[in-house]
């Protein structure tokens, strides 16, 4: 019996080691190195602090968290918000979804490790503050060298009853978009703005952002990285050569017409080719093409991630050898 027990334990131990080896093998060398990067991150749930503080203690809270209470606004404005039934219901919904923020904190720490690995001299905040931002969808994540704010009211799920937004906005209000949005906010701090106003420069600028997501979110799907549905991503893949042919034939790569931003870069229900296919297309196909150009560039050139971000759009395009599959 003792021999059988020892043999069984040895088998279990060997099996465990085998699984561990397989697991490590699935991770790239970079991912294994990134895991060793030290990150210390704390979380401050200001959403809870604001809505759970008694009105009698408001002045003390305002003094302690002065950053969130602009001086030009009176106490009564914030107290009214604390007591507003609609806001309190929104707070309840946020707590249902994010009562335990631990898993999200772990994911943020993981992506911070990638940021520190690729940009070791770039300062990162050591604290994440969660809040409810009155549905300010243009500032879902705010990231600076010392501050990171996450508006949890904008990650309740696209079908949530509080969202009165078009579908193409709501589909990015999922929990799965928190990390991509964190990388977007980070990208804005490390990627120089386009050197010209050409359509190509805009495509490459956002293509760089998405390539950062390739590097920093290795386990994410492409549709989550760009904020598409699977069907929208499939449409882009299936029509890549047609999209590119249109851009070339219409001679718009170096065009500086601002309308091209609205047609192919800005969030929209669909892209505007002014063709029958418009209603089938997702918005922002220009960004998707820019992503493929940057991917092609990185495949054909030995360039670090920080170096990529500094390169001019024309140089990236020329050296990318980009050619969509027919």
C-alpha atoms as a PDB file:
ATOM      1  CA  UNK A   1       0.000   0.000   0.000  1.00  0.00           C
ATOM      2  CA  UNK A   2       2.866   2.352   0.900  1.00  0.00           C
ATOM      3  CA  UNK A   3       4.635   1.643  -2.402  1.00  0.00           C
ATOM      4  CA  UNK A   4       1.446   2.306  -4.362  1.00  0.00           C
ATOM      5  CA  UNK A   5       0.947   5.588  -2.493  1.00  0.00           C
ATOM      6  CA  UNK A   6       4.504   6.732  -3.245  1.00  0.00           C
ATOM      7  CA  UNK A   7       4.145   5.796  -6.906  1.00  0.00           C
ATOM      8  CA  UNK A   8       0.827   7.645  -7.136  1.00  0.00           C
ATOM      9  CA  UNK A   9       2.315  10.780  -5.583  1.00  0.00           C
ATOM     10  CA  UNK A  10       5.283  10.573  -7.942  1.00  0.00           C
ATOM     11  CA  UNK A  11       2.899  10.266 -10.910  1.00  0.00           C
ATOM     12  CA  UNK A  12       0.881  13.283  -9.736  1.00  0.00           C
ATOM     13  CA  UNK A  13       4.046  15.322  -9.218  1.00  0.00           C
ATOM     14  CA  UNK A  14       5.452  14.412 -12.629  1.00  0.00           C
ATOM     15  CA  UNK A  15       2.099  15.246 -14.230  1.00  0.00           C
ATOM     16  CA  UNK A  16       2.070  18.619 -12.502  1.00  0.00           C
ATOM     17  CA  UNK A  17       5.593  19.385 -13.709  1.00  0.00           C
ATOM     18  CA  UNK A  18       4.572  18.356 -17.215  1.00  0.00           C
ATOM     19  CA  UNK A  19       1.624  20.756 -17.170  1.00  0.00           C
ATOM     20  CA  UNK A  20       3.865  23.507 -15.815  1.00  0.00           C
ATOM     21  CA  UNK A  21       6.375  23.002 -18.624  1.00  0.00           C
ATOM     22  CA  UNK A  22       3.608  23.040 -21.239  1.00  0.00           C
ATOM     23  CA  UNK A  23       2.120  26.192 -19.708  1.00  0.00           C
ATOM     24  CA  UNK A  24       5.476  27.989 -19.761  1.00  0.00           C
ATOM     25  CA  UNK A  25       6.129  26.821 -23.311  1.00  0.00           C
ATOM     26  CA  UNK A  26       2.917  28.507 -24.451  1.00  0.00           C
ATOM     27  CA  UNK A  27       4.195  31.842 -23.151  1.00  0.00           C
ATOM     28  CA  UNK A  28       6.677  33.756 -25.252  1.00  0.00           C
ATOM     29  CA  UNK A  29      10.104  34.645 -23.913  1.00  0.00           C
ATOM     30  CA  UNK A  30       8.933  38.253 -23.578  1.00  0.00           C
ATOM     31  CA  UNK A  31       5.862  37.248 -21.566  1.00  0.00           C
ATOM     32  CA  UNK A  32       8.038  35.235 -19.198  1.00  0.00           C
ATOM     33  CA  UNK A  33      10.401  38.197 -18.756  1.00  0.00           C
ATOM     34  CA  UNK A  34       7.477  40.581 -18.239  1.00  0.00           C
ATOM     35  CA  UNK A  35       6.180  38.433 -15.378  1.00  0.00           C
ATOM     36  CA  UNK A  36       9.336  39.294 -13.445  1.00  0.00           C
ATOM     37  CA  UNK A  37       8.787  43.070 -13.678  1.00  0.00           C
ATOM     38  CA  UNK A  38       7.826  44.381 -10.212  1.00  0.00           C
ATOM     39  CA  UNK A  39       4.626  46.423 -10.039  1.00  0.00           C
ATOM     40  CA  UNK A  40       3.026  47.772  -6.865  1.00  0.00           C
ATOM     41  CA  UNK A  41      -0.480  49.065  -7.465  1.00  0.00           C
ATOM     42  CA  UNK A  42      -3.167  50.067  -4.984  1.00  0.00           C
ATOM     43  CA  UNK A  43      -6.845  50.741  -5.661  1.00  0.00           C
ATOM     44  CA  UNK A  44      -8.999  53.532  -4.258  1.00  0.00           C
ATOM     45  CA  UNK A  45     -12.735  53.006  -4.688  1.00  0.00           C
ATOM     46  CA  UNK A  46     -13.834  56.637  -4.814  1.00  0.00           C
ATOM     47  CA  UNK A  47     -17.200  55.510  -6.218  1.00  0.00           C
ATOM     48  CA  UNK A  48     -17.846  53.795  -2.880  1.00  0.00           C
ATOM     49  CA  UNK A  49     -16.396  56.630  -0.840  1.00  0.00           C
ATOM     50  CA  UNK A  50     -18.617  59.214  -2.529  1.00  0.00           C
ATOM     51  CA  UNK A  51     -21.914  57.340  -2.289  1.00  0.00           C
ATOM     52  CA  UNK A  52     -21.377  55.720   1.108  1.00  0.00           C
ATOM     53  CA  UNK A  53     -20.177  58.804   2.981  1.00  0.00           C
ATOM     54  CA  UNK A  54     -22.941  60.346   5.152  1.00  0.00           C
ATOM     55  CA  UNK A  55     -23.963  63.860   4.136  1.00  0.00           C
ATOM     56  CA  UNK A  56     -22.911  65.014   7.589  1.00  0.00           C
ATOM     57  CA  UNK A  57     -19.314  64.059   6.698  1.00  0.00           C
ATOM     58  CA  UNK A  58     -19.326  65.660   3.260  1.00  0.00           C
ATOM     59  CA  UNK A  59     -17.073  68.628   4.111  1.00  0.00           C
ATOM     60  CA  UNK A  60     -14.443  66.299   5.512  1.00  0.00           C
ATOM     61  CA  UNK A  61     -14.614  64.134   2.373  1.00  0.00           C
ATOM     62  CA  UNK A  62     -14.387  67.170   0.120  1.00  0.00           C
ATOM     63  CA  UNK A  63     -11.322  68.388   1.926  1.00  0.00           C
ATOM     64  CA  UNK A  64      -9.624  64.993   1.773  1.00  0.00           C
ATOM     65  CA  UNK A  65     -10.435  64.388  -1.921  1.00  0.00           C
ATOM     66  CA  UNK A  66     -10.215  67.959  -3.172  1.00  0.00           C
ATOM     67  CA  UNK A  67      -9.112  66.813  -6.646  1.00  0.00           C
ATOM     68  CA  UNK A  68     -12.632  65.544  -7.357  1.00  0.00           C
ATOM     69  CA  UNK A  69     -14.427  68.655  -6.108  1.00  0.00           C
ATOM     70  CA  UNK A  70     -13.613  71.762  -8.195  1.00  0.00           C
ATOM     71  CA  UNK A  71     -13.680  74.871  -6.048  1.00  0.00           C
ATOM     72  CA  UNK A  72     -16.072  76.745  -8.326  1.00  0.00           C
ATOM     73  CA  UNK A  73     -18.909  74.331  -7.496  1.00  0.00           C
ATOM     74  CA  UNK A  74     -20.846  74.581  -4.193  1.00  0.00           C
ATOM     75  CA  UNK A  75     -21.289  71.744  -1.715  1.00  0.00           C
ATOM     76  CA  UNK A  76     -24.998  71.615  -2.507  1.00  0.00           C
ATOM     77  CA  UNK A  77     -24.312  70.417  -6.059  1.00  0.00           C
ATOM     78  CA  UNK A  78     -22.382  67.365  -4.909  1.00  0.00           C
ATOM     79  CA  UNK A  79     -24.713  66.619  -1.999  1.00  0.00           C
ATOM     80  CA  UNK A  80     -27.640  66.656  -4.414  1.00  0.00           C
ATOM     81  CA  UNK A  81     -25.822  64.124  -6.572  1.00  0.00           C
ATOM     82  CA  UNK A  82     -25.080  61.906  -3.555  1.00  0.00           C
ATOM     83  CA  UNK A  83     -28.806  61.797  -2.753  1.00  0.00           C
ATOM     84  CA  UNK A  84     -30.181  61.607  -6.297  1.00  0.00           C
ATOM     85  CA  UNK A  85     -32.165  58.320  -6.681  1.00  0.00           C
ATOM     86  CA  UNK A  86     -31.008  57.798 -10.273  1.00  0.00           C
ATOM     87  CA  UNK A  87     -27.331  58.191  -9.430  1.00  0.00           C
ATOM     88  CA  UNK A  88     -27.730  55.958  -6.410  1.00  0.00           C
ATOM     89  CA  UNK A  89     -29.309  53.309  -8.619  1.00  0.00           C
ATOM     90  CA  UNK A  90     -26.375  53.642 -11.018  1.00  0.00           C
ATOM     91  CA  UNK A  91     -24.009  53.229  -8.066  1.00  0.00           C
ATOM     92  CA  UNK A  92     -25.857  50.066  -7.049  1.00  0.00           C
ATOM     93  CA  UNK A  93     -25.454  48.676 -10.564  1.00  0.00           C
ATOM     94  CA  UNK A  94     -21.727  49.425 -10.505  1.00  0.00           C
ATOM     95  CA  UNK A  95     -21.359  47.592  -7.198  1.00  0.00           C
ATOM     96  CA  UNK A  96     -23.200  44.563  -8.549  1.00  0.00           C
ATOM     97  CA  UNK A  97     -20.683  44.347 -11.366  1.00  0.00           C
ATOM     98  CA  UNK A  98     -17.541  45.379  -9.512  1.00  0.00           C
ATOM     99  CA  UNK A  99     -18.058  44.504  -5.861  1.00  0.00           C
ATOM    100  CA  UNK A 100     -14.751  42.674  -6.137  1.00  0.00           C
ATOM    101  CA  UNK A 101     -12.306  44.748  -8.168  1.00  0.00           C
ATOM    102  CA  UNK A 102      -9.439  42.367  -7.427  1.00  0.00           C
ATOM    103  CA  UNK A 103      -9.468  40.513 -10.781  1.00  0.00           C
ATOM    104  CA  UNK A 104      -9.422  43.794 -12.715  1.00  0.00           C
ATOM    105  CA  UNK A 105      -6.608  45.107 -10.517  1.00  0.00           C
ATOM    106  CA  UNK A 106      -4.567  41.991 -11.316  1.00  0.00           C
ATOM    107  CA  UNK A 107      -5.127  42.504 -15.044  1.00  0.00           C
ATOM    108  CA  UNK A 108      -4.088  46.153 -14.806  1.00  0.00           C
ATOM    109  CA  UNK A 109      -0.940  45.158 -12.937  1.00  0.00           C
ATOM    110  CA  UNK A 110      -0.162  42.695 -15.734  1.00  0.00           C
ATOM    111  CA  UNK A 111      -0.499  45.340 -18.449  1.00  0.00           C
ATOM    112  CA  UNK A 112       1.544  47.786 -16.357  1.00  0.00           C
ATOM    113  CA  UNK A 113       4.330  45.212 -16.374  1.00  0.00           C
ATOM    114  CA  UNK A 114       4.317  45.284 -20.155  1.00  0.00           C
ATOM    115  CA  UNK A 115       4.394  49.084 -20.116  1.00  0.00           C
ATOM    116  CA  UNK A 116       7.357  49.097 -17.741  1.00  0.00           C
ATOM    117  CA  UNK A 117       9.099  46.353 -19.742  1.00  0.00           C
ATOM    118  CA  UNK A 118       8.892  48.226 -23.045  1.00  0.00           C
ATOM    119  CA  UNK A 119       9.174  51.740 -21.591  1.00  0.00           C
ATOM    120  CA  UNK A 120      11.333  51.348 -18.451  1.00  0.00           C
ATOM    121  CA  UNK A 121      11.865  55.101 -18.015  1.00  0.00           C
ATOM    122  CA  UNK A 122       8.207  56.026 -18.369  1.00  0.00           C
ATOM    123  CA  UNK A 123       6.635  56.902 -14.976  1.00  0.00           C
ATOM    124  CA  UNK A 124       3.426  55.056 -14.122  1.00  0.00           C
ATOM    125  CA  UNK A 125       0.908  55.781 -11.369  1.00  0.00           C
ATOM    126  CA  UNK A 126       0.977  53.576  -8.303  1.00  0.00           C
ATOM    127  CA  UNK A 127      -2.716  53.981  -7.549  1.00  0.00           C
ATOM    128  CA  UNK A 128      -5.887  53.331  -9.530  1.00  0.00           C
ATOM    129  CA  UNK A 129      -8.991  55.298  -8.587  1.00  0.00           C
ATOM    130  CA  UNK A 130     -12.428  54.060  -9.598  1.00  0.00           C
ATOM    131  CA  UNK A 131     -15.355  56.448  -9.880  1.00  0.00           C
ATOM    132  CA  UNK A 132     -18.709  57.151 -11.511  1.00  0.00           C
ATOM    133  CA  UNK A 133     -18.294  59.845 -14.129  1.00  0.00           C
ATOM    134  CA  UNK A 134     -21.824  60.651 -15.310  1.00  0.00           C
ATOM    135  CA  UNK A 135     -21.426  58.628 -18.532  1.00  0.00           C
ATOM    136  CA  UNK A 136     -18.501  60.663 -19.878  1.00  0.00           C
ATOM    137  CA  UNK A 137     -17.708  58.153 -22.631  1.00  0.00           C
ATOM    138  CA  UNK A 138     -14.879  60.289 -24.029  1.00  0.00           C
ATOM    139  CA  UNK A 139     -12.925  59.939 -20.783  1.00  0.00           C
ATOM    140  CA  UNK A 140     -13.533  56.354 -19.729  1.00  0.00           C
ATOM    141  CA  UNK A 141      -9.896  56.024 -18.655  1.00  0.00           C
ATOM    142  CA  UNK A 142      -7.624  58.899 -17.659  1.00  0.00           C
ATOM    143  CA  UNK A 143      -3.951  58.019 -17.308  1.00  0.00           C
ATOM    144  CA  UNK A 144      -1.042  60.309 -16.419  1.00  0.00           C
ATOM    145  CA  UNK A 145       2.369  59.717 -14.876  1.00  0.00           C
ATOM    146  CA  UNK A 146       0.826  59.946 -11.398  1.00  0.00           C
ATOM    147  CA  UNK A 147      -2.909  59.355 -11.843  1.00  0.00           C
ATOM    148  CA  UNK A 148      -5.213  56.692 -13.248  1.00  0.00           C
ATOM    149  CA  UNK A 149      -8.995  57.043 -13.182  1.00  0.00           C
ATOM    150  CA  UNK A 150     -11.472  54.399 -14.331  1.00  0.00           C
ATOM    151  CA  UNK A 151     -15.131  55.280 -14.857  1.00  0.00           C
ATOM    152  CA  UNK A 152     -16.815  52.019 -13.901  1.00  0.00           C
ATOM    153  CA  UNK A 153     -20.238  53.264 -14.979  1.00  0.00           C
ATOM    154  CA  UNK A 154     -19.036  52.853 -18.581  1.00  0.00           C
ATOM    155  CA  UNK A 155     -18.192  49.159 -18.270  1.00  0.00           C
ATOM    156  CA  UNK A 156     -21.512  47.631 -17.208  1.00  0.00           C
ATOM    157  CA  UNK A 157     -22.133  45.684 -20.427  1.00  0.00           C
ATOM    158  CA  UNK A 158     -23.524  46.887 -23.750  1.00  0.00           C
ATOM    159  CA  UNK A 159     -27.088  45.796 -22.992  1.00  0.00           C
ATOM    160  CA  UNK A 160     -27.337  47.668 -19.702  1.00  0.00           C
ATOM    161  CA  UNK A 161     -30.547  49.608 -19.243  1.00  0.00           C
ATOM    162  CA  UNK A 162     -28.734  52.849 -18.381  1.00  0.00           C
ATOM    163  CA  UNK A 163     -27.077  53.118 -21.776  1.00  0.00           C
ATOM    164  CA  UNK A 164     -28.923  55.292 -24.251  1.00  0.00           C
ATOM    165  CA  UNK A 165     -26.112  55.299 -26.780  1.00  0.00           C
ATOM    166  CA  UNK A 166     -25.894  54.010 -30.362  1.00  0.00           C
ATOM    167  CA  UNK A 167     -24.817  50.380 -30.713  1.00  0.00           C
ATOM    168  CA  UNK A 168     -21.352  51.261 -32.001  1.00  0.00           C
ATOM    169  CA  UNK A 169     -20.645  53.081 -28.720  1.00  0.00           C
ATOM    170  CA  UNK A 170     -22.340  50.581 -26.419  1.00  0.00           C
ATOM    171  CA  UNK A 171     -20.372  47.627 -27.772  1.00  0.00           C
ATOM    172  CA  UNK A 172     -17.265  49.156 -26.166  1.00  0.00           C
ATOM    173  CA  UNK A 173     -18.919  49.428 -22.737  1.00  0.00           C
ATOM    174  CA  UNK A 174     -17.988  45.863 -21.789  1.00  0.00           C
ATOM    175  CA  UNK A 175     -15.674  44.773 -18.983  1.00  0.00           C
ATOM    176  CA  UNK A 176     -13.421  43.303 -21.683  1.00  0.00           C
ATOM    177  CA  UNK A 177     -12.710  46.848 -22.899  1.00  0.00           C
ATOM    178  CA  UNK A 178     -11.116  48.105 -19.672  1.00  0.00           C
ATOM    179  CA  UNK A 179      -7.617  46.866 -20.521  1.00  0.00           C
ATOM    180  CA  UNK A 180      -7.733  47.949 -24.198  1.00  0.00           C
ATOM    181  CA  UNK A 181      -8.857  51.388 -23.011  1.00  0.00           C
ATOM    182  CA  UNK A 182      -5.976  51.476 -20.512  1.00  0.00           C
ATOM    183  CA  UNK A 183      -3.537  50.831 -23.366  1.00  0.00           C
ATOM    184  CA  UNK A 184      -5.255  53.493 -25.482  1.00  0.00           C
ATOM    185  CA  UNK A 185      -4.762  56.028 -22.676  1.00  0.00           C
ATOM    186  CA  UNK A 186      -1.129  54.959 -22.313  1.00  0.00           C
ATOM    187  CA  UNK A 187      -0.560  55.187 -26.065  1.00  0.00           C
ATOM    188  CA  UNK A 188      -1.638  58.818 -26.024  1.00  0.00           C
ATOM    189  CA  UNK A 189       1.194  59.573 -23.567  1.00  0.00           C
ATOM    190  CA  UNK A 190       3.981  57.868 -25.546  1.00  0.00           C
ATOM    191  CA  UNK A 191       2.970  58.271 -29.202  1.00  0.00           C
ATOM    192  CA  UNK A 192       3.791  61.620 -30.850  1.00  0.00           C
ATOM    193  CA  UNK A 193       0.865  63.136 -32.777  1.00  0.00           C
ATOM    194  CA  UNK A 194       0.948  62.853 -36.570  1.00  0.00           C
ATOM    195  CA  UNK A 195       3.446  65.166 -38.271  1.00  0.00           C
ATOM    196  CA  UNK A 196       0.934  66.036 -40.984  1.00  0.00           C
ATOM    197  CA  UNK A 197      -2.821  65.972 -41.528  1.00  0.00           C
ATOM    198  CA  UNK A 198      -2.875  63.313 -44.229  1.00  0.00           C
ATOM    199  CA  UNK A 199      -5.259  60.389 -44.067  1.00  0.00           C
ATOM    200  CA  UNK A 200      -2.277  58.012 -44.061  1.00  0.00           C
ATOM    201  CA  UNK A 201      -0.776  59.749 -41.012  1.00  0.00           C
ATOM    202  CA  UNK A 202      -4.054  59.322 -39.126  1.00  0.00           C
ATOM    203  CA  UNK A 203      -4.299  55.644 -40.067  1.00  0.00           C
ATOM    204  CA  UNK A 204      -0.723  54.956 -38.960  1.00  0.00           C
ATOM    205  CA  UNK A 205      -1.149  56.888 -35.710  1.00  0.00           C
ATOM    206  CA  UNK A 206      -4.037  54.682 -34.612  1.00  0.00           C
ATOM    207  CA  UNK A 207      -2.330  51.641 -36.117  1.00  0.00           C
ATOM    208  CA  UNK A 208       0.525  52.236 -33.670  1.00  0.00           C
ATOM    209  CA  UNK A 209      -1.960  52.292 -30.794  1.00  0.00           C
ATOM    210  CA  UNK A 210      -3.409  48.958 -31.867  1.00  0.00           C
ATOM    211  CA  UNK A 211       0.048  47.470 -32.265  1.00  0.00           C
ATOM    212  CA  UNK A 212       0.726  48.460 -28.652  1.00  0.00           C
ATOM    213  CA  UNK A 213      -2.325  46.368 -27.793  1.00  0.00           C
ATOM    214  CA  UNK A 214      -0.846  43.458 -29.766  1.00  0.00           C
ATOM    215  CA  UNK A 215       2.270  43.708 -27.601  1.00  0.00           C
ATOM    216  CA  UNK A 216       0.653  44.428 -24.235  1.00  0.00           C
ATOM    217  CA  UNK A 217      -2.516  42.339 -24.494  1.00  0.00           C
ATOM    218  CA  UNK A 218      -1.146  39.104 -26.010  1.00  0.00           C
ATOM    219  CA  UNK A 219      -4.094  37.023 -24.823  1.00  0.00           C
ATOM    220  CA  UNK A 220      -6.779  39.333 -26.170  1.00  0.00           C
ATOM    221  CA  UNK A 221      -8.647  38.751 -29.404  1.00  0.00           C
ATOM    222  CA  UNK A 222      -8.284  41.218 -32.255  1.00  0.00           C
ATOM    223  CA  UNK A 223     -11.935  42.219 -32.005  1.00  0.00           C
ATOM    224  CA  UNK A 224     -11.533  43.150 -28.338  1.00  0.00           C
ATOM    225  CA  UNK A 225      -8.333  45.055 -29.071  1.00  0.00           C
ATOM    226  CA  UNK A 226     -10.092  47.280 -31.598  1.00  0.00           C
ATOM    227  CA  UNK A 227     -13.536  47.253 -29.970  1.00  0.00           C
ATOM    228  CA  UNK A 228     -15.331  45.436 -32.774  1.00  0.00           C
ATOM    229  CA  UNK A 229     -17.686  42.505 -32.734  1.00  0.00           C
ATOM    230  CA  UNK A 230     -16.411  39.252 -34.258  1.00  0.00           C
ATOM    231  CA  UNK A 231     -18.643  39.879 -37.271  1.00  0.00           C
ATOM    232  CA  UNK A 232     -17.208  43.357 -37.826  1.00  0.00           C
ATOM    233  CA  UNK A 233     -13.667  42.013 -37.626  1.00  0.00           C
ATOM    234  CA  UNK A 234     -14.538  39.255 -40.104  1.00  0.00           C
ATOM    235  CA  UNK A 235     -15.919  41.853 -42.522  1.00  0.00           C
ATOM    236  CA  UNK A 236     -12.646  43.776 -42.440  1.00  0.00           C
ATOM    237  CA  UNK A 237     -10.596  40.636 -43.022  1.00  0.00           C
ATOM    238  CA  UNK A 238     -12.792  39.468 -45.881  1.00  0.00           C
ATOM    239  CA  UNK A 239     -12.807  42.898 -47.553  1.00  0.00           C
ATOM    240  CA  UNK A 240      -9.268  44.077 -46.786  1.00  0.00           C
ATOM    241  CA  UNK A 241      -8.115  44.091 -50.411  1.00  0.00           C
ATOM    242  CA  UNK A 242     -11.274  45.918 -51.542  1.00  0.00           C
ATOM    243  CA  UNK A 243     -10.881  48.570 -48.831  1.00  0.00           C
ATOM    244  CA  UNK A 244      -7.269  49.099 -49.793  1.00  0.00           C
ATOM    245  CA  UNK A 245      -8.071  49.248 -53.517  1.00  0.00           C
ATOM    246  CA  UNK A 246     -10.678  51.914 -52.803  1.00  0.00           C
ATOM    247  CA  UNK A 247      -8.175  54.028 -50.847  1.00  0.00           C
ATOM    248  CA  UNK A 248      -5.642  53.759 -53.682  1.00  0.00           C
ATOM    249  CA  UNK A 249      -8.047  54.321 -56.563  1.00  0.00           C
ATOM    250  CA  UNK A 250      -9.625  57.310 -54.845  1.00  0.00           C
ATOM    251  CA  UNK A 251      -6.121  58.688 -54.214  1.00  0.00           C
ATOM    252  CA  UNK A 252      -6.870  59.565 -50.585  1.00  0.00           C
ATOM    253  CA  UNK A 253      -3.797  58.300 -48.700  1.00  0.00           C
ATOM    254  CA  UNK A 254      -2.126  61.708 -48.729  1.00  0.00           C
ATOM    255  CA  UNK A 255      -5.352  63.699 -48.829  1.00  0.00           C
ATOM    256  CA  UNK A 256      -5.788  66.134 -45.920  1.00  0.00           C
ATOM    257  CA  UNK A 257      -9.575  66.501 -46.222  1.00  0.00           C
ATOM    258  CA  UNK A 258     -10.917  66.395 -42.651  1.00  0.00           C
ATOM    259  CA  UNK A 259     -14.053  64.611 -43.886  1.00  0.00           C
ATOM    260  CA  UNK A 260     -11.967  61.462 -44.295  1.00  0.00           C
ATOM    261  CA  UNK A 261     -11.611  61.307 -40.513  1.00  0.00           C
ATOM    262  CA  UNK A 262     -15.384  61.187 -40.101  1.00  0.00           C
ATOM    263  CA  UNK A 263     -15.732  58.672 -42.912  1.00  0.00           C
ATOM    264  CA  UNK A 264     -13.060  56.154 -41.912  1.00  0.00           C
ATOM    265  CA  UNK A 265     -11.421  57.015 -38.555  1.00  0.00           C
ATOM    266  CA  UNK A 266     -13.967  58.358 -36.057  1.00  0.00           C
ATOM    267  CA  UNK A 267     -16.427  56.069 -34.236  1.00  0.00           C
ATOM    268  CA  UNK A 268     -19.462  55.571 -36.457  1.00  0.00           C
ATOM    269  CA  UNK A 269     -22.149  52.968 -37.203  1.00  0.00           C
ATOM    270  CA  UNK A 270     -20.461  52.244 -40.553  1.00  0.00           C
ATOM    271  CA  UNK A 271     -17.717  53.545 -42.829  1.00  0.00           C
ATOM    272  CA  UNK A 272     -18.650  55.861 -45.672  1.00  0.00           C
ATOM    273  CA  UNK A 273     -17.372  54.644 -49.036  1.00  0.00           C
ATOM    274  CA  UNK A 274     -20.566  56.038 -50.589  1.00  0.00           C
ATOM    275  CA  UNK A 275     -21.203  52.579 -51.999  1.00  0.00           C
ATOM    276  CA  UNK A 276     -23.799  49.869 -51.480  1.00  0.00           C
ATOM    277  CA  UNK A 277     -21.493  48.098 -49.024  1.00  0.00           C
ATOM    278  CA  UNK A 278     -21.560  50.968 -46.538  1.00  0.00           C
ATOM    279  CA  UNK A 279     -24.281  49.562 -44.287  1.00  0.00           C
ATOM    280  CA  UNK A 280     -22.452  46.221 -44.096  1.00  0.00           C
ATOM    281  CA  UNK A 281     -19.160  47.785 -43.006  1.00  0.00           C
ATOM    282  CA  UNK A 282     -18.107  48.684 -39.468  1.00  0.00           C
ATOM    283  CA  UNK A 283     -16.904  52.186 -38.653  1.00  0.00           C
ATOM    284  CA  UNK A 284     -13.199  53.004 -38.350  1.00  0.00           C
ATOM    285  CA  UNK A 285     -11.965  50.759 -41.171  1.00  0.00           C
ATOM    286  CA  UNK A 286      -9.167  53.284 -41.748  1.00  0.00           C
ATOM    287  CA  UNK A 287      -7.831  52.474 -38.288  1.00  0.00           C
ATOM    288  CA  UNK A 288      -8.017  48.764 -39.034  1.00  0.00           C
ATOM    289  CA  UNK A 289      -6.023  49.214 -42.266  1.00  0.00           C
ATOM    290  CA  UNK A 290      -3.485  51.348 -40.387  1.00  0.00           C
ATOM    291  CA  UNK A 291      -3.097  48.475 -37.923  1.00  0.00           C
ATOM    292  CA  UNK A 292      -2.344  46.027 -40.720  1.00  0.00           C
ATOM    293  CA  UNK A 293       0.248  48.402 -42.208  1.00  0.00           C
ATOM    294  CA  UNK A 294       2.024  48.716 -38.841  1.00  0.00           C
ATOM    295  CA  UNK A 295       1.894  44.959 -38.332  1.00  0.00           C
ATOM    296  CA  UNK A 296       3.437  44.456 -41.772  1.00  0.00           C
ATOM    297  CA  UNK A 297       6.134  47.007 -40.955  1.00  0.00           C
ATOM    298  CA  UNK A 298       7.059  45.277 -37.692  1.00  0.00           C
ATOM    299  CA  UNK A 299       7.131  41.911 -39.447  1.00  0.00           C
ATOM    300  CA  UNK A 300       9.605  43.190 -42.029  1.00  0.00           C
ATOM    301  CA  UNK A 301      11.813  45.413 -39.858  1.00  0.00           C
ATOM    302  CA  UNK A 302      13.874  44.985 -36.690  1.00  0.00           C
ATOM    303  CA  UNK A 303      12.560  47.926 -34.678  1.00  0.00           C
ATOM    304  CA  UNK A 304      11.798  48.253 -30.965  1.00  0.00           C
ATOM    305  CA  UNK A 305       8.372  49.330 -29.782  1.00  0.00           C
ATOM    306  CA  UNK A 306       9.531  52.799 -28.610  1.00  0.00           C
ATOM    307  CA  UNK A 307      11.360  53.285 -31.929  1.00  0.00           C
ATOM    308  CA  UNK A 308       8.224  52.384 -33.863  1.00  0.00           C
ATOM    309  CA  UNK A 309       6.230  55.098 -32.126  1.00  0.00           C
ATOM    310  CA  UNK A 310       8.754  57.760 -33.139  1.00  0.00           C
ATOM    311  CA  UNK A 311       8.805  56.886 -36.843  1.00  0.00           C
ATOM    312  CA  UNK A 312       7.064  59.002 -39.461  1.00  0.00           C
ATOM    313  CA  UNK A 313       3.964  57.540 -41.123  1.00  0.00           C
ATOM    314  CA  UNK A 314       5.444  57.760 -44.621  1.00  0.00           C
ATOM    315  CA  UNK A 315       8.537  55.835 -43.557  1.00  0.00           C
ATOM    316  CA  UNK A 316       6.454  53.142 -41.872  1.00  0.00           C
ATOM    317  CA  UNK A 317       4.265  52.809 -44.949  1.00  0.00           C
ATOM    318  CA  UNK A 318       7.210  52.681 -47.364  1.00  0.00           C
ATOM    319  CA  UNK A 319       9.104  50.085 -45.350  1.00  0.00           C
ATOM    320  CA  UNK A 320       6.029  48.033 -44.443  1.00  0.00           C
ATOM    321  CA  UNK A 321       5.752  46.289 -47.824  1.00  0.00           C
ATOM    322  CA  UNK A 322       2.067  46.162 -47.014  1.00  0.00           C
ATOM    323  CA  UNK A 323       0.055  44.204 -49.545  1.00  0.00           C
ATOM    324  CA  UNK A 324      -3.353  42.835 -48.548  1.00  0.00           C
ATOM    325  CA  UNK A 325      -4.238  39.311 -49.528  1.00  0.00           C
ATOM    326  CA  UNK A 326      -6.654  39.038 -52.444  1.00  0.00           C
END
